Every structure is written in C-alpha cells, then in structure tokens.
Amino acid sequence: MIWSRLAIALRENKLPDWDVYDSVTSSAISPVTEASVAGRGKPVDFPDFTKGKWKTNPKLDLV
C-alpha cells in the first residue's frame, strides 16, 4: 500500500504524505516489540525520533 501511495504522489508531482520520521517510527515497531517480549511483556519506551516536534507538525488534509 505504501508503495502505491508513493507512486501516486510521484506521478502527481507531489510530496508523499509521510516523512522520514514516519519511516523510522514504523521501522522501530519490531525492535521495540522484541525488547518487550524479551522482558516478559514489560513495557518499553518508544523512541521519539522527532524530539517532540511531532506535536507541532501541521496536519495533512487527506481525502
């Protein structure tokens, strides 16, 4: 699905609706889950790659 969204954005000469922070966040899900499972289900802090900037990023108006 993400590849089709990228292809559409490129075809329409637009930026994709995600940024590098979205990409690294989605890549961190497995290692964080593995750490939690290794800790017998203990919660693991999820890294904030944006250092809090996600709170002030403009929202995308997706239809």
C-alpha atoms as a PDB file:
ATOM      1  CA  MET A   1       0.000   0.000   0.000  1.00  0.00           C
ATOM      2  CA  ILE A   2       2.746   2.465   0.892  1.00  0.00           C
ATOM      3  CA  TRP A   3       4.421   1.877  -2.468  1.00  0.00           C
ATOM      4  CA  SER A   4       1.218   2.687  -4.345  1.00  0.00           C
ATOM      5  CA  ARG A   5       0.831   5.906  -2.331  1.00  0.00           C
ATOM      6  CA  LEU A   6       4.420   6.808  -3.219  1.00  0.00           C
ATOM      7  CA  ALA A   7       3.837   6.067  -6.898  1.00  0.00           C
ATOM      8  CA  ILE A   8       0.694   8.215  -6.939  1.00  0.00           C
ATOM      9  CA  ALA A   9       2.494  11.117  -5.239  1.00  0.00           C
ATOM     10  CA  LEU A  10       5.388  10.934  -7.687  1.00  0.00           C
ATOM     11  CA  ARG A  11       3.052  10.666 -10.674  1.00  0.00           C
ATOM     12  CA  GLU A  12       1.171  13.768  -9.497  1.00  0.00           C
ATOM     13  CA  ASN A  13       4.444  15.609  -8.743  1.00  0.00           C
ATOM     14  CA  LYS A  14       3.543  15.874  -5.046  1.00  0.00           C
ATOM     15  CA  LEU A  15       5.347  15.052  -1.845  1.00  0.00           C
ATOM     16  CA  PRO A  16       4.386  11.765  -0.183  1.00  0.00           C
ATOM     17  CA  ASP A  17       2.067  12.010   2.825  1.00  0.00           C
ATOM     18  CA  TRP A  18       4.762  10.767   5.212  1.00  0.00           C
ATOM     19  CA  ASP A  19       8.225  11.951   6.148  1.00  0.00           C
ATOM     20  CA  VAL A  20      11.467  10.401   7.326  1.00  0.00           C
ATOM     21  CA  TYR A  21      10.198  10.379  10.917  1.00  0.00           C
ATOM     22  CA  ASP A  22       7.187   8.290   9.916  1.00  0.00           C
ATOM     23  CA  SER A  23       9.553   5.879   8.192  1.00  0.00           C
ATOM     24  CA  VAL A  24      11.889   5.387  11.150  1.00  0.00           C
ATOM     25  CA  THR A  25       8.953   5.147  13.543  1.00  0.00           C
ATOM     26  CA  SER A  26       7.430   2.308  11.542  1.00  0.00           C
ATOM     27  CA  SER A  27      10.850   0.629  11.420  1.00  0.00           C
ATOM     28  CA  ALA A  28      11.155   0.765  15.220  1.00  0.00           C
ATOM     29  CA  ILE A  29       7.995  -1.230  15.937  1.00  0.00           C
ATOM     30  CA  SER A  30       9.626  -4.669  15.612  1.00  0.00           C
ATOM     31  CA  PRO A  31      12.708  -3.962  17.772  1.00  0.00           C
ATOM     32  CA  VAL A  32      10.585  -2.339  20.487  1.00  0.00           C
ATOM     33  CA  THR A  33       8.181  -5.296  20.423  1.00  0.00           C
ATOM     34  CA  GLU A  34      11.083  -7.752  20.606  1.00  0.00           C
ATOM     35  CA  ALA A  35      12.510  -5.898  23.609  1.00  0.00           C
ATOM     36  CA  SER A  36       9.127  -6.041  25.345  1.00  0.00           C
ATOM     37  CA  VAL A  37       8.729  -9.757  24.641  1.00  0.00           C
ATOM     38  CA  ALA A  38      12.277 -10.428  25.856  1.00  0.00           C
ATOM     39  CA  GLY A  39      11.343  -8.587  29.059  1.00  0.00           C
ATOM     40  CA  ARG A  40       8.336 -10.899  29.521  1.00  0.00           C
ATOM     41  CA  GLY A  41       5.852  -8.245  28.388  1.00  0.00           C
ATOM     42  CA  LYS A  42       7.418  -5.366  30.273  1.00  0.00           C
ATOM     43  CA  PRO A  43       6.550  -2.002  28.665  1.00  0.00           C
ATOM     44  CA  VAL A  44       9.334  -0.431  26.627  1.00  0.00           C
ATOM     45  CA  ASP A  45       9.570   3.284  25.961  1.00  0.00           C
ATOM     46  CA  PHE A  46       9.036   4.075  22.315  1.00  0.00           C
ATOM     47  CA  PRO A  47      11.710   6.422  20.933  1.00  0.00           C
ATOM     48  CA  ASP A  48      10.596   9.904  19.896  1.00  0.00           C
ATOM     49  CA  PHE A  49      12.739  10.494  16.824  1.00  0.00           C
ATOM     50  CA  THR A  50      11.299  13.995  16.380  1.00  0.00           C
ATOM     51  CA  LYS A  51      12.263  15.121  19.891  1.00  0.00           C
ATOM     52  CA  GLY A  52       8.705  16.379  20.431  1.00  0.00           C
ATOM     53  CA  LYS A  53       8.357  18.197  17.112  1.00  0.00           C
ATOM     54  CA  TRP A  54       5.509  15.840  16.088  1.00  0.00           C
ATOM     55  CA  LYS A  55       3.252  17.859  18.374  1.00  0.00           C
ATOM     56  CA  THR A  56       3.592  20.992  16.222  1.00  0.00           C
ATOM     57  CA  ASN A  57       3.764  19.475  12.719  1.00  0.00           C
ATOM     58  CA  PRO A  58       0.884  20.649  10.534  1.00  0.00           C
ATOM     59  CA  LYS A  59      -1.841  18.088   9.970  1.00  0.00           C
ATOM     60  CA  LEU A  60      -2.294  16.746   6.437  1.00  0.00           C
ATOM     61  CA  ASP A  61      -5.710  17.174   4.896  1.00  0.00           C
ATOM     62  CA  LEU A  62      -6.137  13.749   3.324  1.00  0.00           C
ATOM     63  CA  VAL A  63      -9.320  12.937   1.499  1.00  0.00           C
END
